[in-house]
PDB file of all heavy atoms in Angstrom:
ATOM      1  N   THR A   1     -21.567  12.588   6.285  1.00  0.00           N
ATOM      2  CA  THR A   1     -21.486  12.390   7.734  1.00  0.00           C
ATOM      3  C   THR A   1     -21.557  13.703   8.497  1.00  0.00           C
ATOM      4  O   THR A   1     -21.465  13.705   9.723  1.00  0.00           O
ATOM      5  CB  THR A   1     -20.179  11.649   8.122  1.00  0.00           C
ATOM      6  OG1 THR A   1     -19.067  12.521   7.927  1.00  0.00           O
ATOM      7  CG2 THR A   1     -20.008  10.376   7.313  1.00  0.00           C
ATOM      8  N   SER A   2     -21.690  14.815   7.782  1.00  0.00           N
ATOM      9  CA  SER A   2     -21.795  16.118   8.430  1.00  0.00           C
ATOM     10  C   SER A   2     -23.247  16.384   8.815  1.00  0.00           C
ATOM     11  O   SER A   2     -24.120  15.515   8.674  1.00  0.00           O
ATOM     12  CB  SER A   2     -21.296  17.219   7.483  1.00  0.00           C
ATOM     13  OG  SER A   2     -22.250  17.486   6.464  1.00  0.00           O
ATOM     14  N   VAL A   3     -23.521  17.608   9.259  1.00  0.00           N
ATOM     15  CA  VAL A   3     -24.901  17.970   9.596  1.00  0.00           C
ATOM     16  C   VAL A   3     -25.737  18.205   8.348  1.00  0.00           C
ATOM     17  O   VAL A   3     -26.935  18.493   8.446  1.00  0.00           O
ATOM     18  CB  VAL A   3     -24.934  19.219  10.503  1.00  0.00           C
ATOM     19  CG1 VAL A   3     -24.276  18.925  11.836  1.00  0.00           C
ATOM     20  CG2 VAL A   3     -24.277  20.416   9.822  1.00  0.00           C
ATOM     21  N   GLY A   4     -25.127  18.104   7.182  1.00  0.00           N
ATOM     22  CA  GLY A   4     -25.889  18.163   5.941  1.00  0.00           C
ATOM     23  C   GLY A   4     -26.178  19.557   5.437  1.00  0.00           C
ATOM     24  O   GLY A   4     -27.123  19.768   4.680  1.00  0.00           O
ATOM     25  N   ARG A   5     -25.363  20.535   5.825  1.00  0.00           N
ATOM     26  CA  ARG A   5     -25.548  21.907   5.350  1.00  0.00           C
ATOM     27  C   ARG A   5     -24.502  22.219   4.287  1.00  0.00           C
ATOM     28  O   ARG A   5     -23.312  22.330   4.578  1.00  0.00           O
ATOM     29  CB  ARG A   5     -25.440  22.894   6.520  1.00  0.00           C
ATOM     30  CG  ARG A   5     -26.535  22.727   7.548  1.00  0.00           C
ATOM     31  CD  ARG A   5     -27.888  23.169   6.978  1.00  0.00           C
ATOM     32  NE  ARG A   5     -28.944  23.047   7.971  1.00  0.00           N
ATOM     33  CZ  ARG A   5     -29.762  22.005   8.078  1.00  0.00           C
ATOM     34  NH1 ARG A   5     -29.621  20.995   7.240  1.00  0.00           N
ATOM     35  NH2 ARG A   5     -30.700  21.969   8.993  1.00  0.00           N
ATOM     36  N   HIS A   6     -24.979  22.372   3.048  1.00  0.00           N
ATOM     37  CA  HIS A   6     -24.103  22.660   1.922  1.00  0.00           C
ATOM     38  C   HIS A   6     -24.794  23.701   1.043  1.00  0.00           C
ATOM     39  O   HIS A   6     -25.975  23.996   1.228  1.00  0.00           O
ATOM     40  CB  HIS A   6     -23.805  21.388   1.121  1.00  0.00           C
ATOM     41  CG  HIS A   6     -23.377  20.232   1.964  1.00  0.00           C
ATOM     42  ND1 HIS A   6     -22.120  20.138   2.516  1.00  0.00           N
ATOM     43  CD2 HIS A   6     -24.061  19.133   2.380  1.00  0.00           C
ATOM     44  CE1 HIS A   6     -22.030  19.012   3.227  1.00  0.00           C
ATOM     45  NE2 HIS A   6     -23.198  18.388   3.163  1.00  0.00           N
ATOM     46  N   ASP A   7     -24.073  24.230   0.068  1.00  0.00           N
ATOM     47  CA  ASP A   7     -24.611  25.323  -0.742  1.00  0.00           C
ATOM     48  C   ASP A   7     -24.304  25.112  -2.220  1.00  0.00           C
ATOM     49  O   ASP A   7     -23.250  24.577  -2.570  1.00  0.00           O
ATOM     50  CB  ASP A   7     -24.000  26.658  -0.290  1.00  0.00           C
ATOM     51  CG  ASP A   7     -24.271  27.772  -1.284  1.00  0.00           C
ATOM     52  OD1 ASP A   7     -25.412  28.280  -1.302  1.00  0.00           O
ATOM     53  OD2 ASP A   7     -23.364  28.108  -2.075  1.00  0.00           O
ATOM     54  N   MET A   8     -25.237  25.556  -3.061  1.00  0.00           N
ATOM     55  CA  MET A   8     -24.997  25.534  -4.498  1.00  0.00           C
ATOM     56  C   MET A   8     -25.572  26.807  -5.140  1.00  0.00           C
ATOM     57  O   MET A   8     -25.995  26.802  -6.282  1.00  0.00           O
ATOM     58  CB  MET A   8     -25.618  24.278  -5.117  1.00  0.00           C
ATOM     59  CG  MET A   8     -24.787  23.658  -6.216  1.00  0.00           C
ATOM     60  SD  MET A   8     -25.244  21.935  -6.571  1.00  0.00           S
ATOM     61  CE  MET A   8     -27.006  22.049  -6.853  1.00  0.00           C
ATOM     62  N   LEU A   9     -25.587  27.897  -4.344  1.00  0.00           N
ATOM     63  CA  LEU A   9     -26.065  29.188  -4.829  1.00  0.00           C
ATOM     64  C   LEU A   9     -24.951  30.222  -4.967  1.00  0.00           C
ATOM     65  O   LEU A   9     -25.009  31.092  -5.832  1.00  0.00           O
ATOM     66  CB  LEU A   9     -27.128  29.757  -3.875  1.00  0.00           C
ATOM     67  CG  LEU A   9     -28.459  29.022  -3.775  1.00  0.00           C
ATOM     68  CD1 LEU A   9     -29.329  29.672  -2.700  1.00  0.00           C
ATOM     69  CD2 LEU A   9     -29.187  29.015  -5.114  1.00  0.00           C
ATOM     70  N   ILE A  10     -23.947  30.140  -4.093  1.00  0.00           N
ATOM     71  CA  ILE A  10     -22.946  31.189  -3.987  1.00  0.00           C
ATOM     72  C   ILE A  10     -21.770  30.941  -4.939  1.00  0.00           C
ATOM     73  O   ILE A  10     -21.240  29.834  -5.012  1.00  0.00           O
ATOM     74  CB  ILE A  10     -22.439  31.299  -2.532  1.00  0.00           C
ATOM     75  CG1 ILE A  10     -23.614  31.549  -1.584  1.00  0.00           C
ATOM     76  CG2 ILE A  10     -21.394  32.397  -2.413  1.00  0.00           C
ATOM     77  CD1 ILE A  10     -24.437  32.783  -1.896  1.00  0.00           C
ATOM     78  N   ALA A  11     -21.390  31.984  -5.650  1.00  0.00           N
ATOM     79  CA  ALA A  11     -20.263  31.899  -6.587  1.00  0.00           C
ATOM     80  C   ALA A  11     -18.952  31.719  -5.837  1.00  0.00           C
ATOM     81  O   ALA A  11     -18.827  32.065  -4.660  1.00  0.00           O
ATOM     82  CB  ALA A  11     -20.201  33.168  -7.436  1.00  0.00           C
ATOM     83  N   ALA A  12     -17.965  31.176  -6.528  1.00  0.00           N
ATOM     84  CA  ALA A  12     -16.622  31.049  -5.953  1.00  0.00           C
ATOM     85  C   ALA A  12     -16.078  32.438  -5.640  1.00  0.00           C
ATOM     86  O   ALA A  12     -16.254  33.386  -6.412  1.00  0.00           O
ATOM     87  CB  ALA A  12     -15.702  30.335  -6.929  1.00  0.00           C
ATOM     88  N   CYS A  13     -15.405  32.558  -4.502  1.00  0.00           N
ATOM     89  CA  CYS A  13     -14.774  33.844  -4.187  1.00  0.00           C
ATOM     90  C   CYS A  13     -13.661  34.116  -5.202  1.00  0.00           C
ATOM     91  O   CYS A  13     -13.032  33.194  -5.739  1.00  0.00           O
ATOM     92  CB  CYS A  13     -14.240  33.863  -2.753  1.00  0.00           C
ATOM     93  SG  CYS A  13     -12.980  32.629  -2.362  1.00  0.00           S
ATOM     94  N   ASP A  14     -13.457  35.395  -5.485  1.00  0.00           N
ATOM     95  CA  ASP A  14     -12.467  35.806  -6.478  1.00  0.00           C
ATOM     96  C   ASP A  14     -11.879  37.151  -6.053  1.00  0.00           C
ATOM     97  O   ASP A  14     -12.315  37.751  -5.055  1.00  0.00           O
ATOM     98  CB  ASP A  14     -13.084  35.878  -7.874  1.00  0.00           C
ATOM     99  CG  ASP A  14     -14.349  36.722  -7.928  1.00  0.00           C
ATOM    100  OD1 ASP A  14     -14.485  37.668  -7.123  1.00  0.00           O
ATOM    101  OD2 ASP A  14     -15.217  36.446  -8.766  1.00  0.00           O
ATOM    102  N   PRO A  15     -10.837  37.641  -6.751  1.00  0.00           N
ATOM    103  CA  PRO A  15     -10.229  38.909  -6.340  1.00  0.00           C
ATOM    104  C   PRO A  15     -11.225  40.058  -6.255  1.00  0.00           C
ATOM    105  O   PRO A  15     -11.134  40.914  -5.362  1.00  0.00           O
ATOM    106  CB  PRO A  15      -9.170  39.145  -7.418  1.00  0.00           C
ATOM    107  CG  PRO A  15      -8.787  37.765  -7.871  1.00  0.00           C
ATOM    108  CD  PRO A  15     -10.072  36.982  -7.843  1.00  0.00           C
ATOM    109  N   GLU A  16     -12.191  40.073  -7.174  1.00  0.00           N
ATOM    110  CA  GLU A  16     -13.179  41.149  -7.173  1.00  0.00           C
ATOM    111  C   GLU A  16     -14.069  41.090  -5.935  1.00  0.00           C
ATOM    112  O   GLU A  16     -14.470  42.133  -5.392  1.00  0.00           O
ATOM    113  CB  GLU A  16     -14.026  41.077  -8.449  1.00  0.00           C
ATOM    114  CG  GLU A  16     -13.270  41.354  -9.736  1.00  0.00           C
ATOM    115  CD  GLU A  16     -12.379  40.219 -10.199  1.00  0.00           C
ATOM    116  OE1 GLU A  16     -12.564  39.066  -9.723  1.00  0.00           O
ATOM    117  OE2 GLU A  16     -11.491  40.469 -11.027  1.00  0.00           O
ATOM    118  N   ARG A  17     -14.379  39.881  -5.471  1.00  0.00           N
ATOM    119  CA  ARG A  17     -15.177  39.732  -4.255  1.00  0.00           C
ATOM    120  C   ARG A  17     -14.439  40.334  -3.053  1.00  0.00           C
ATOM    121  O   ARG A  17     -15.034  41.070  -2.246  1.00  0.00           O
ATOM    122  CB  ARG A  17     -15.481  38.252  -4.007  1.00  0.00           C
ATOM    123  CG  ARG A  17     -16.118  37.932  -2.663  1.00  0.00           C
ATOM    124  CD  ARG A  17     -17.480  38.557  -2.494  1.00  0.00           C
ATOM    125  NE  ARG A  17     -18.167  38.024  -1.318  1.00  0.00           N
ATOM    126  CZ  ARG A  17     -19.182  38.639  -0.718  1.00  0.00           C
ATOM    127  NH1 ARG A  17     -19.637  39.791  -1.174  1.00  0.00           N
ATOM    128  NH2 ARG A  17     -19.758  38.096   0.343  1.00  0.00           N
ATOM    129  N   TYR A  18     -13.163  40.031  -2.935  1.00  0.00           N
ATOM    130  CA  TYR A  18     -12.405  40.558  -1.799  1.00  0.00           C
ATOM    131  C   TYR A  18     -12.246  42.072  -1.890  1.00  0.00           C
ATOM    132  O   TYR A  18     -12.298  42.772  -0.878  1.00  0.00           O
ATOM    133  CB  TYR A  18     -11.058  39.848  -1.681  1.00  0.00           C
ATOM    134  CG  TYR A  18     -11.236  38.421  -1.230  1.00  0.00           C
ATOM    135  CD1 TYR A  18     -11.072  37.363  -2.103  1.00  0.00           C
ATOM    136  CD2 TYR A  18     -11.627  38.143   0.077  1.00  0.00           C
ATOM    137  CE1 TYR A  18     -11.274  36.053  -1.693  1.00  0.00           C
ATOM    138  CE2 TYR A  18     -11.841  36.832   0.499  1.00  0.00           C
ATOM    139  CZ  TYR A  18     -11.665  35.800  -0.399  1.00  0.00           C
ATOM    140  OH  TYR A  18     -11.889  34.511   0.010  1.00  0.00           O
ATOM    141  N   ALA A  19     -12.081  42.590  -3.107  1.00  0.00           N
ATOM    142  CA  ALA A  19     -12.003  44.041  -3.268  1.00  0.00           C
ATOM    143  C   ALA A  19     -13.303  44.699  -2.809  1.00  0.00           C
ATOM    144  O   ALA A  19     -13.289  45.748  -2.155  1.00  0.00           O
ATOM    145  CB  ALA A  19     -11.709  44.393  -4.720  1.00  0.00           C
ATOM    146  N   SER A  20     -14.443  44.062  -3.133  1.00  0.00           N
ATOM    147  CA  SER A  20     -15.732  44.629  -2.726  1.00  0.00           C
ATOM    148  C   SER A  20     -15.922  44.575  -1.220  1.00  0.00           C
ATOM    149  O   SER A  20     -16.727  45.338  -0.660  1.00  0.00           O
ATOM    150  CB  SER A  20     -16.877  43.882  -3.420  1.00  0.00           C
ATOM    151  OG  SER A  20     -17.077  42.588  -2.861  1.00  0.00           O
ATOM    152  N   LEU A  21     -15.176  43.668  -0.555  1.00  0.00           N
ATOM    153  CA  LEU A  21     -15.246  43.559   0.907  1.00  0.00           C
ATOM    154  C   LEU A  21     -14.209  44.440   1.607  1.00  0.00           C
ATOM    155  O   LEU A  21     -14.068  44.379   2.828  1.00  0.00           O
ATOM    156  CB  LEU A  21     -15.053  42.096   1.327  1.00  0.00           C
ATOM    157  CG  LEU A  21     -16.180  41.130   0.929  1.00  0.00           C
ATOM    158  CD1 LEU A  21     -15.792  39.686   1.235  1.00  0.00           C
ATOM    159  CD2 LEU A  21     -17.490  41.489   1.623  1.00  0.00           C
ATOM    160  N   GLY A  22     -13.471  45.219   0.821  1.00  0.00           N
ATOM    161  CA  GLY A  22     -12.532  46.163   1.407  1.00  0.00           C
ATOM    162  C   GLY A  22     -11.099  45.689   1.495  1.00  0.00           C
ATOM    163  O   GLY A  22     -10.245  46.385   2.056  1.00  0.00           O
ATOM    164  N   VAL A  23     -10.803  44.513   0.930  1.00  0.00           N
ATOM    165  CA  VAL A  23      -9.432  44.007   0.968  1.00  0.00           C
ATOM    166  C   VAL A  23      -8.588  44.759  -0.066  1.00  0.00           C
ATOM    167  O   VAL A  23      -9.010  44.919  -1.221  1.00  0.00           O
ATOM    168  CB  VAL A  23      -9.406  42.491   0.684  1.00  0.00           C
ATOM    169  CG1 VAL A  23      -7.967  41.982   0.585  1.00  0.00           C
ATOM    170  CG2 VAL A  23     -10.170  41.741   1.756  1.00  0.00           C
ATOM    171  N   THR A  24      -7.426  45.200   0.322  1.00  0.00           N
ATOM    172  CA  THR A  24      -6.499  45.833  -0.613  1.00  0.00           C
ATOM    173  C   THR A  24      -5.336  44.890  -0.873  1.00  0.00           C
ATOM    174  O   THR A  24      -4.876  44.182   0.015  1.00  0.00           O
ATOM    175  CB  THR A  24      -5.974  47.166  -0.044  1.00  0.00           C
ATOM    176  OG1 THR A  24      -5.333  46.921   1.210  1.00  0.00           O
ATOM    177  CG2 THR A  24      -7.112  48.150   0.153  1.00  0.00           C
ATOM    178  N   GLY A  25      -4.871  44.870  -2.098  1.00  0.00           N
ATOM    179  CA  GLY A  25      -3.776  43.972  -2.453  1.00  0.00           C
ATOM    180  C   GLY A  25      -4.273  42.569  -2.740  1.00  0.00           C
ATOM    181  O   GLY A  25      -5.475  42.284  -2.765  1.00  0.00           O
TER     182      GLY A  25
END
């Protein structure tokens, strides 16, 4: 029932992803 925009390319976010984005802790 949504606008039909979904994804099956992007990996699940994980601690390493946030570290690469500059998150500390």
